C-alpha atoms as a PDB file:
ATOM      1  CA  MET A   1     -30.186 -40.851 -48.561  1.00  0.00           C
ATOM      2  CA  ALA A   2     -27.933 -43.708 -50.106  1.00  0.00           C
ATOM      3  CA  PRO A   3     -25.597 -45.506 -47.190  1.00  0.00           C
ATOM      4  CA  PRO A   4     -21.514 -43.441 -47.933  1.00  0.00           C
ATOM      5  CA  PHE A   5     -20.165 -45.777 -50.624  1.00  0.00           C
ATOM      6  CA  MET A   6     -16.847 -44.648 -52.831  1.00  0.00           C
ATOM      7  CA  ASN A   7     -16.939 -46.278 -56.431  1.00  0.00           C
ATOM      8  CA  ALA A   8     -12.594 -46.969 -55.583  1.00  0.00           C
ATOM      9  CA  TYR A   9     -13.777 -48.912 -52.477  1.00  0.00           C
ATOM     10  CA  GLY A  10     -10.086 -50.445 -52.780  1.00  0.00           C
ATOM     11  CA  LEU A  11      -8.936 -47.269 -51.411  1.00  0.00           C
ATOM     12  CA  VAL A  12     -10.449 -46.477 -48.508  1.00  0.00           C
ATOM     13  CA  THR A  13      -8.256 -49.171 -45.989  1.00  0.00           C
ATOM     14  CA  LYS A  14      -4.667 -47.518 -47.568  1.00  0.00           C
ATOM     15  CA  ILE A  15      -6.197 -44.219 -46.860  1.00  0.00           C
ATOM     16  CA  LEU A  16      -7.116 -44.904 -43.679  1.00  0.00           C
ATOM     17  CA  ASP A  17      -3.618 -47.021 -42.668  1.00  0.00           C
ATOM     18  CA  LYS A  18      -2.242 -43.482 -44.188  1.00  0.00           C
ATOM     19  CA  ILE A  19      -4.699 -41.612 -41.246  1.00  0.00           C
ATOM     20  CA  ILE A  20      -3.165 -44.092 -38.749  1.00  0.00           C
ATOM     21  CA  GLU A  21       0.592 -43.070 -38.925  1.00  0.00           C
ATOM     22  CA  ALA A  22      -0.216 -39.714 -40.159  1.00  0.00           C
ATOM     23  CA  GLN A  23       0.010 -36.541 -38.098  1.00  0.00           C
ATOM     24  CA  GLN A  24      -4.327 -35.388 -36.919  1.00  0.00           C
ATOM     25  CA  PRO A  25      -4.452 -32.293 -39.243  1.00  0.00           C
ATOM     26  CA  GLU A  26      -6.474 -29.406 -38.086  1.00  0.00           C
ATOM     27  CA  ARG A  27      -8.498 -29.918 -40.874  1.00  0.00           C
ATOM     28  CA  PHE A  28      -9.449 -32.021 -43.167  1.00  0.00           C
ATOM     29  CA  THR A  29      -9.059 -30.754 -46.318  1.00  0.00           C
ATOM     30  CA  GLN A  30      -8.359 -32.239 -50.181  1.00  0.00           C
ATOM     31  CA  ASP A  31      -4.598 -31.135 -50.098  1.00  0.00           C
ATOM     32  CA  PHE A  32      -4.250 -32.433 -46.770  1.00  0.00           C
ATOM     33  CA  LEU A  33      -5.094 -35.957 -48.695  1.00  0.00           C
ATOM     34  CA  GLU A  34      -3.610 -35.404 -51.710  1.00  0.00           C
ATOM     35  CA  THR A  35       0.007 -34.092 -50.539  1.00  0.00           C
ATOM     36  CA  LYS A  36       0.749 -35.972 -46.525  1.00  0.00           C
ATOM     37  CA  LEU A  37      -1.320 -38.986 -46.854  1.00  0.00           C
ATOM     38  CA  GLY A  38      -0.304 -39.406 -50.746  1.00  0.00           C
ATOM     39  CA  PHE A  39      -3.533 -39.992 -52.685  1.00  0.00           C
ATOM     40  CA  SER A  40      -4.103 -37.349 -55.424  1.00  0.00           C
ATOM     41  CA  GLY A  41      -5.894 -39.147 -57.947  1.00  0.00           C
ATOM     42  CA  GLY A  42      -9.820 -38.009 -58.147  1.00  0.00           C
ATOM     43  CA  SER A  43     -10.501 -41.590 -57.680  1.00  0.00           C
ATOM     44  CA  ALA A  44     -10.138 -40.835 -53.591  1.00  0.00           C
ATOM     45  CA  ARG A  45     -11.945 -37.757 -53.601  1.00  0.00           C
ATOM     46  CA  ALA A  46     -15.177 -39.203 -52.000  1.00  0.00           C
ATOM     47  CA  PHE A  47     -13.091 -40.281 -49.438  1.00  0.00           C
ATOM     48  CA  ILE A  48     -13.707 -36.779 -47.329  1.00  0.00           C
ATOM     49  CA  PRO A  49     -17.629 -36.823 -47.183  1.00  0.00           C
ATOM     50  CA  LEU A  50     -16.298 -40.860 -46.853  1.00  0.00           C
ATOM     51  CA  LEU A  51     -15.347 -39.357 -43.673  1.00  0.00           C
ATOM     52  CA  LYS A  52     -18.279 -36.773 -42.905  1.00  0.00           C
ATOM     53  CA  ARG A  53     -20.331 -39.567 -43.443  1.00  0.00           C
ATOM     54  CA  ILE A  54     -18.941 -41.728 -41.057  1.00  0.00           C
ATOM     55  CA  GLY A  55     -17.881 -38.805 -38.126  1.00  0.00           C
ATOM     56  CA  PHE A  56     -14.562 -38.329 -39.102  1.00  0.00           C
ATOM     57  CA  ILE A  57     -15.009 -35.173 -39.713  1.00  0.00           C
ATOM     58  CA  SER A  58     -17.104 -32.574 -39.198  1.00  0.00           C
ATOM     59  CA  SER A  59     -19.366 -31.040 -42.010  1.00  0.00           C
ATOM     60  CA  ASP A  60     -16.521 -27.747 -42.082  1.00  0.00           C
ATOM     61  CA  GLY A  61     -13.419 -30.054 -41.860  1.00  0.00           C
ATOM     62  CA  VAL A  62     -12.208 -30.223 -38.174  1.00  0.00           C
ATOM     63  CA  PRO A  63     -11.678 -33.945 -37.029  1.00  0.00           C
ATOM     64  CA  THR A  64     -13.679 -35.213 -33.745  1.00  0.00           C
ATOM     65  CA  THR A  65     -12.694 -37.164 -30.815  1.00  0.00           C
ATOM     66  CA  LEU A  66     -13.806 -40.454 -33.051  1.00  0.00           C
ATOM     67  CA  TYR A  67     -11.344 -39.762 -35.542  1.00  0.00           C
ATOM     68  CA  SER A  68      -8.673 -39.457 -32.664  1.00  0.00           C
ATOM     69  CA  LYS A  69      -9.586 -42.309 -30.811  1.00  0.00           C
ATOM     70  CA  PHE A  70      -9.242 -44.898 -34.511  1.00  0.00           C
ATOM     71  CA  ARG A  71      -6.205 -43.544 -34.242  1.00  0.00           C
ATOM     72  CA  ASN A  72      -5.301 -45.023 -31.330  1.00  0.00           C
ATOM     73  CA  ASN A  73      -4.261 -48.375 -31.360  1.00  0.00           C
ATOM     74  CA  ASP A  74      -6.262 -49.516 -28.405  1.00  0.00           C
ATOM     75  CA  SER A  75      -9.732 -47.591 -28.854  1.00  0.00           C
ATOM     76  CA  ARG A  76      -9.242 -48.536 -32.890  1.00  0.00           C
ATOM     77  CA  GLY A  77     -12.287 -50.551 -33.152  1.00  0.00           C
ATOM     78  CA  ALA A  78     -14.333 -49.469 -31.291  1.00  0.00           C
ATOM     79  CA  ALA A  79     -14.544 -46.039 -33.010  1.00  0.00           C
ATOM     80  CA  MET A  80     -14.897 -48.041 -36.753  1.00  0.00           C
ATOM     81  CA  ALA A  81     -18.057 -50.155 -35.046  1.00  0.00           C
ATOM     82  CA  GLN A  82     -19.004 -46.569 -33.747  1.00  0.00           C
ATOM     83  CA  ALA A  83     -19.146 -44.618 -36.669  1.00  0.00           C
ATOM     84  CA  LEU A  84     -20.376 -47.523 -38.821  1.00  0.00           C
ATOM     85  CA  ARG A  85     -23.001 -47.578 -36.300  1.00  0.00           C
ATOM     86  CA  THR A  86     -23.110 -43.633 -37.343  1.00  0.00           C
ATOM     87  CA  GLY A  87     -22.836 -43.611 -41.176  1.00  0.00           C
ATOM     88  CA  TYR A  88     -25.030 -46.906 -41.644  1.00  0.00           C
ATOM     89  CA  LYS A  89     -27.842 -45.749 -39.527  1.00  0.00           C
ATOM     90  CA  ASP A  90     -30.065 -47.586 -42.030  1.00  0.00           C
ATOM     91  CA  LEU A  91     -28.488 -50.708 -42.540  1.00  0.00           C
ATOM     92  CA  PHE A  92     -28.810 -51.125 -38.965  1.00  0.00           C
ATOM     93  CA  GLU A  93     -32.204 -50.876 -38.099  1.00  0.00           C
ATOM     94  CA  ARG A  94     -32.370 -52.930 -40.828  1.00  0.00           C
ATOM     95  CA  ASN A  95     -30.568 -55.808 -39.251  1.00  0.00           C
ATOM     96  CA  GLU A  96     -28.811 -55.050 -35.683  1.00  0.00           C
ATOM     97  CA  TYR A  97     -26.130 -57.631 -36.887  1.00  0.00           C
ATOM     98  CA  ALA A  98     -25.188 -56.289 -39.902  1.00  0.00           C
ATOM     99  CA  GLN A  99     -21.694 -57.056 -39.668  1.00  0.00           C
ATOM    100  CA  ASP A 100     -22.128 -60.538 -39.042  1.00  0.00           C
ATOM    101  CA  MET A 101     -24.559 -60.642 -42.404  1.00  0.00           C
ATOM    102  CA  PRO A 102     -23.024 -62.213 -44.880  1.00  0.00           C
ATOM    103  CA  LYS A 103     -21.449 -60.605 -48.131  1.00  0.00           C
ATOM    104  CA  ASP A 104     -24.319 -61.718 -50.257  1.00  0.00           C
ATOM    105  CA  LYS A 105     -27.424 -61.269 -47.792  1.00  0.00           C
ATOM    106  CA  LEU A 106     -25.540 -57.295 -47.472  1.00  0.00           C
ATOM    107  CA  LYS A 107     -26.177 -57.054 -50.612  1.00  0.00           C
ATOM    108  CA  ASN A 108     -29.971 -58.150 -51.004  1.00  0.00           C
ATOM    109  CA  LEU A 109     -30.325 -55.935 -48.071  1.00  0.00           C
ATOM    110  CA  VAL A 110     -28.361 -52.764 -50.136  1.00  0.00           C
ATOM    111  CA  VAL A 111     -30.300 -53.366 -52.941  1.00  0.00           C
ATOM    112  CA  GLU A 112     -34.168 -53.413 -50.051  1.00  0.00           C
ATOM    113  CA  MET A 113     -32.831 -49.750 -49.178  1.00  0.00           C
ATOM    114  CA  THR A 114     -31.469 -47.989 -51.919  1.00  0.00           C
ATOM    115  CA  GLY A 115     -34.539 -49.987 -54.733  1.00  0.00           C
ATOM    116  CA  ALA A 116     -31.248 -50.116 -57.348  1.00  0.00           C
ATOM    117  CA  LYS A 117     -30.833 -53.057 -59.110  1.00  0.00           C
ATOM    118  CA  PRO A 118     -28.503 -56.102 -58.373  1.00  0.00           C
ATOM    119  CA  THR A 119     -26.346 -55.312 -61.145  1.00  0.00           C
ATOM    120  CA  ASP A 120     -25.678 -51.517 -59.877  1.00  0.00           C
ATOM    121  CA  THR A 121     -22.713 -50.186 -59.320  1.00  0.00           C
ATOM    122  CA  SER A 122     -23.308 -48.837 -56.856  1.00  0.00           C
ATOM    123  CA  VAL A 123     -24.409 -51.152 -54.933  1.00  0.00           C
ATOM    124  CA  ALA A 124     -20.865 -53.319 -55.197  1.00  0.00           C
ATOM    125  CA  SER A 125     -19.267 -50.572 -54.361  1.00  0.00           C
ATOM    126  CA  ILE A 126     -21.748 -49.417 -50.750  1.00  0.00           C
ATOM    127  CA  VAL A 127     -20.950 -53.297 -50.270  1.00  0.00           C
ATOM    128  CA  GLY A 128     -17.383 -53.391 -50.813  1.00  0.00           C
ATOM    129  CA  THR A 129     -16.955 -49.612 -48.795  1.00  0.00           C
ATOM    130  CA  PHE A 130     -18.431 -51.315 -45.557  1.00  0.00           C
ATOM    131  CA  GLU A 131     -16.619 -54.193 -45.912  1.00  0.00           C
ATOM    132  CA  ASN A 132     -13.123 -52.174 -45.678  1.00  0.00           C
ATOM    133  CA  LEU A 133     -14.575 -50.009 -43.213  1.00  0.00           C
ATOM    134  CA  LYS A 134     -15.841 -53.882 -41.350  1.00  0.00           C
ATOM    135  CA  LYS A 135     -11.773 -54.594 -40.789  1.00  0.00           C
ATOM    136  CA  TYR A 136     -11.074 -51.869 -38.202  1.00  0.00           C
ATOM    137  CA  ALA A 137     -14.310 -53.009 -36.565  1.00  0.00           C
ATOM    138  CA  LYS A 138     -14.725 -54.660 -33.052  1.00  0.00           C
ATOM    139  CA  TRP A 139     -18.225 -55.337 -32.289  1.00  0.00           C
ATOM    140  CA  ASP A 140     -17.921 -55.815 -28.652  1.00  0.00           C
ATOM    141  CA  SER A 141     -21.326 -53.895 -27.127  1.00  0.00           C
ATOM    142  CA  SER A 142     -19.226 -52.960 -24.085  1.00  0.00           C
ATOM    143  CA  GLN A 143     -17.169 -50.687 -26.427  1.00  0.00           C
ATOM    144  CA  VAL A 144     -19.209 -49.593 -28.381  1.00  0.00           C
ATOM    145  CA  ALA A 145     -20.812 -45.864 -27.878  1.00  0.00           C
ATOM    146  CA  SER A 146     -23.722 -44.632 -27.632  1.00  0.00           C
ATOM    147  CA  GLY A 147     -26.296 -41.861 -26.841  1.00  0.00           C
ATOM    148  CA  LYS A 148     -24.170 -38.720 -25.011  1.00  0.00           C
ATOM    149  CA  GLU A 149     -20.810 -40.560 -25.433  1.00  0.00           C
ATOM    150  CA  ALA A 150     -21.636 -41.083 -29.619  1.00  0.00           C
ATOM    151  CA  SER A 151     -22.438 -37.450 -29.524  1.00  0.00           C
ATOM    152  CA  LYS A 152     -19.155 -36.447 -27.717  1.00  0.00           C
ATOM    153  CA  MET A 153     -17.377 -38.581 -29.967  1.00  0.00           C
ATOM    154  CA  LEU A 154     -18.987 -36.673 -32.824  1.00  0.00           C
ATOM    155  CA  ALA A 155     -17.823 -33.337 -31.702  1.00  0.00           C
ATOM    156  CA  PRO A 156     -15.060 -32.009 -33.198  1.00  0.00           C
ATOM    157  CA  ALA A 157     -11.991 -33.052 -31.061  1.00  0.00           C
ATOM    158  CA  GLU A 158     -10.328 -30.382 -28.235  1.00  0.00           C
ATOM    159  CA  ILE A 159      -7.017 -29.525 -26.973  1.00  0.00           C
ATOM    160  CA  PRO A 160      -7.404 -29.201 -23.328  1.00  0.00           C
ATOM    161  CA  PRO A 161      -6.303 -25.398 -22.470  1.00  0.00           C
ATOM    162  CA  GLN A 162      -3.285 -25.377 -21.009  1.00  0.00           C
ATOM    163  CA  GLY A 163      -2.366 -22.729 -17.715  1.00  0.00           C
ATOM    164  CA  HIS A 164      -3.331 -21.259 -14.796  1.00  0.00           C
ATOM    165  CA  PRO A 165      -7.230 -20.481 -15.421  1.00  0.00           C
ATOM    166  CA  PRO A 166      -7.673 -16.525 -15.469  1.00  0.00           C
ATOM    167  CA  ALA A 167      -7.844 -14.247 -12.267  1.00  0.00           C
ATOM    168  CA  VAL A 168     -11.534 -12.573 -12.340  1.00  0.00           C
ATOM    169  CA  GLU A 169      -9.574  -8.809 -12.890  1.00  0.00           C
ATOM    170  CA  GLY A 170      -8.438  -7.077  -9.228  1.00  0.00           C
ATOM    171  CA  ARG A 171      -8.625 -10.738  -7.110  1.00  0.00           C
ATOM    172  CA  PHE A 172      -5.380 -12.643  -7.534  1.00  0.00           C
ATOM    173  CA  ASN A 173      -6.587 -16.706  -7.447  1.00  0.00           C
ATOM    174  CA  LEU A 174      -4.308 -18.127  -4.023  1.00  0.00           C
ATOM    175  CA  SER A 175      -3.504 -21.389  -2.553  1.00  0.00           C
ATOM    176  CA  TYR A 176      -1.014 -23.163   0.842  1.00  0.00           C
ATOM    177  CA  THR A 177      -1.396 -25.792   2.047  1.00  0.00           C
ATOM    178  CA  ILE A 178      -0.588 -26.953   6.090  1.00  0.00           C
ATOM    179  CA  ASN A 179       1.252 -29.006   7.665  1.00  0.00           C
ATOM    180  CA  LEU A 180      -0.481 -30.304  10.684  1.00  0.00           C
ATOM    181  CA  ASN A 181       2.554 -31.795  13.317  1.00  0.00           C
ATOM    182  CA  LEU A 182      -0.542 -32.974  16.584  1.00  0.00           C
ATOM    183  CA  PRO A 183       0.639 -34.543  20.064  1.00  0.00           C
ATOM    184  CA  GLU A 184       1.326 -38.725  20.700  1.00  0.00           C
ATOM    185  CA  THR A 185      -2.636 -37.594  23.279  1.00  0.00           C
ATOM    186  CA  SER A 186      -5.497 -39.842  23.549  1.00  0.00           C
ATOM    187  CA  ASP A 187      -7.354 -36.200  25.483  1.00  0.00           C
ATOM    188  CA  VAL A 188     -10.130 -35.655  22.052  1.00  0.00           C
ATOM    189  CA  GLU A 189      -9.708 -31.713  23.273  1.00  0.00           C
ATOM    190  CA  VAL A 190      -6.880 -31.152  22.192  1.00  0.00           C
ATOM    191  CA  PHE A 191      -7.148 -31.802  18.802  1.00  0.00           C
ATOM    192  CA  ASN A 192     -10.719 -30.072  19.336  1.00  0.00           C
ATOM    193  CA  ALA A 193      -8.986 -27.115  20.359  1.00  0.00           C
ATOM    194  CA  ILE A 194      -5.944 -27.618  17.571  1.00  0.00           C
ATOM    195  CA  PHE A 195      -8.728 -27.581  14.919  1.00  0.00           C
ATOM    196  CA  ARG A 196     -10.786 -24.975  16.529  1.00  0.00           C
ATOM    197  CA  SER A 197      -8.119 -22.540  16.753  1.00  0.00           C
ATOM    198  CA  LEU A 198      -8.289 -23.164  12.823  1.00  0.00           C
ATOM    199  CA  LYS A 199     -11.467 -22.559  12.292  1.00  0.00           C
ATOM    200  CA  GLU A 200     -10.963 -19.427  14.110  1.00  0.00           C
ATOM    201  CA  ASN A 201      -7.848 -17.823  12.622  1.00  0.00           C
ATOM    202  CA  LEU A 202      -6.598 -19.316   8.515  1.00  0.00           C
ATOM    203  CA  LEU A 203     -10.590 -20.758   7.520  1.00  0.00           C
ATOM    204  CA  ARG A 204     -12.256 -17.776   7.300  1.00  0.00           C
ATOM    205  CA  ALA A 205     -13.840 -16.279   4.203  1.00  0.00           C
END
């Protein structure tokens, strides 16, 4: 499979900037792209498949944790770096420092991978898309997720449940706090007696 790209790769940064500003949707749909982000042209339609390939949204359009982290100023760079490693996995397998390659070298590598002619428009689109996504990435290795952490970032973002956990049918979940005012004494037996009484009278299962 060829690396992800948009023919109109100049739209990549424009749409991503709008994603940062806009509220995160429950599902990233064509309607959201057109109505909320303001990109209604047919050239922008390829952006949704691109988001899926880089792990920003799931197959049904639900934003992942990676999408959420990208919208956060503090984690944006690491999130995009992870997205690039996800979407351009084959590229990074051929050169683990693909992000540092000069543009002409990157183009040559894309030609090698895809078997396309150097003059093929898809080659320029792949390189252009990668370069525009890369503008948001930070490559500090300590910030780029891997393994289980990366898998969590690619899973749909979850909103933690609110309120108290449900009670088991027929039972109540109770809790209480005990404050002790201990006497001033150096006699350890006094403390032993106090805690023994607590165990026998209050801490029974």
